[in-house]
Amino acid sequence: QVQLVESGGGLVQPGESLRLSCTTSVATLDGYALGWFRQAPGKEREEVSCISSIDGSKFHADAVKGRFSTSRGRANAKNTFYLQMNSVKADDTAVYYCAVAMPGNLAGAECDAMDHWGKGTLVTVSS
């Protein structure tokens, strides 16, 4: 069982930046698909970003493209991945979840079927 813990959420003003971290219980996330999702009040959960386990390519939802960026941790943080959130808007207010698909999970390679989830961190964008 892989455990994931999100951190970095909080209250920010429109236009500001925030970085979310997802720290996992595995030694390295090599071979995993890494996803960020969010659920706003009264809305369904939606995918925000994905790092493919097939080729490392990155996907960002249209609503956040150009403002948000996902990345893997570097050599000293190979069990962590991030969501950099810039120029945040009120519509970005949501609980943000990180999730991973295990190596070999082809259905989850593009974050369509994740194996493990964090409990979420709340991001509130308000002036």
Foldseek 3Di string as FASTA:
>chain_A
DKAKAKDWADEAAAQAKTKIKIAIPDPACQLKKKWKWWDDPPGDIDTAKIQFSPPRDMDGDPVQPPFKDKDADDPVRRRMIMIIGGRDDQVPWTWMKMFIAHRPPPCCRGDNDTDDIYPTDTHGYHD
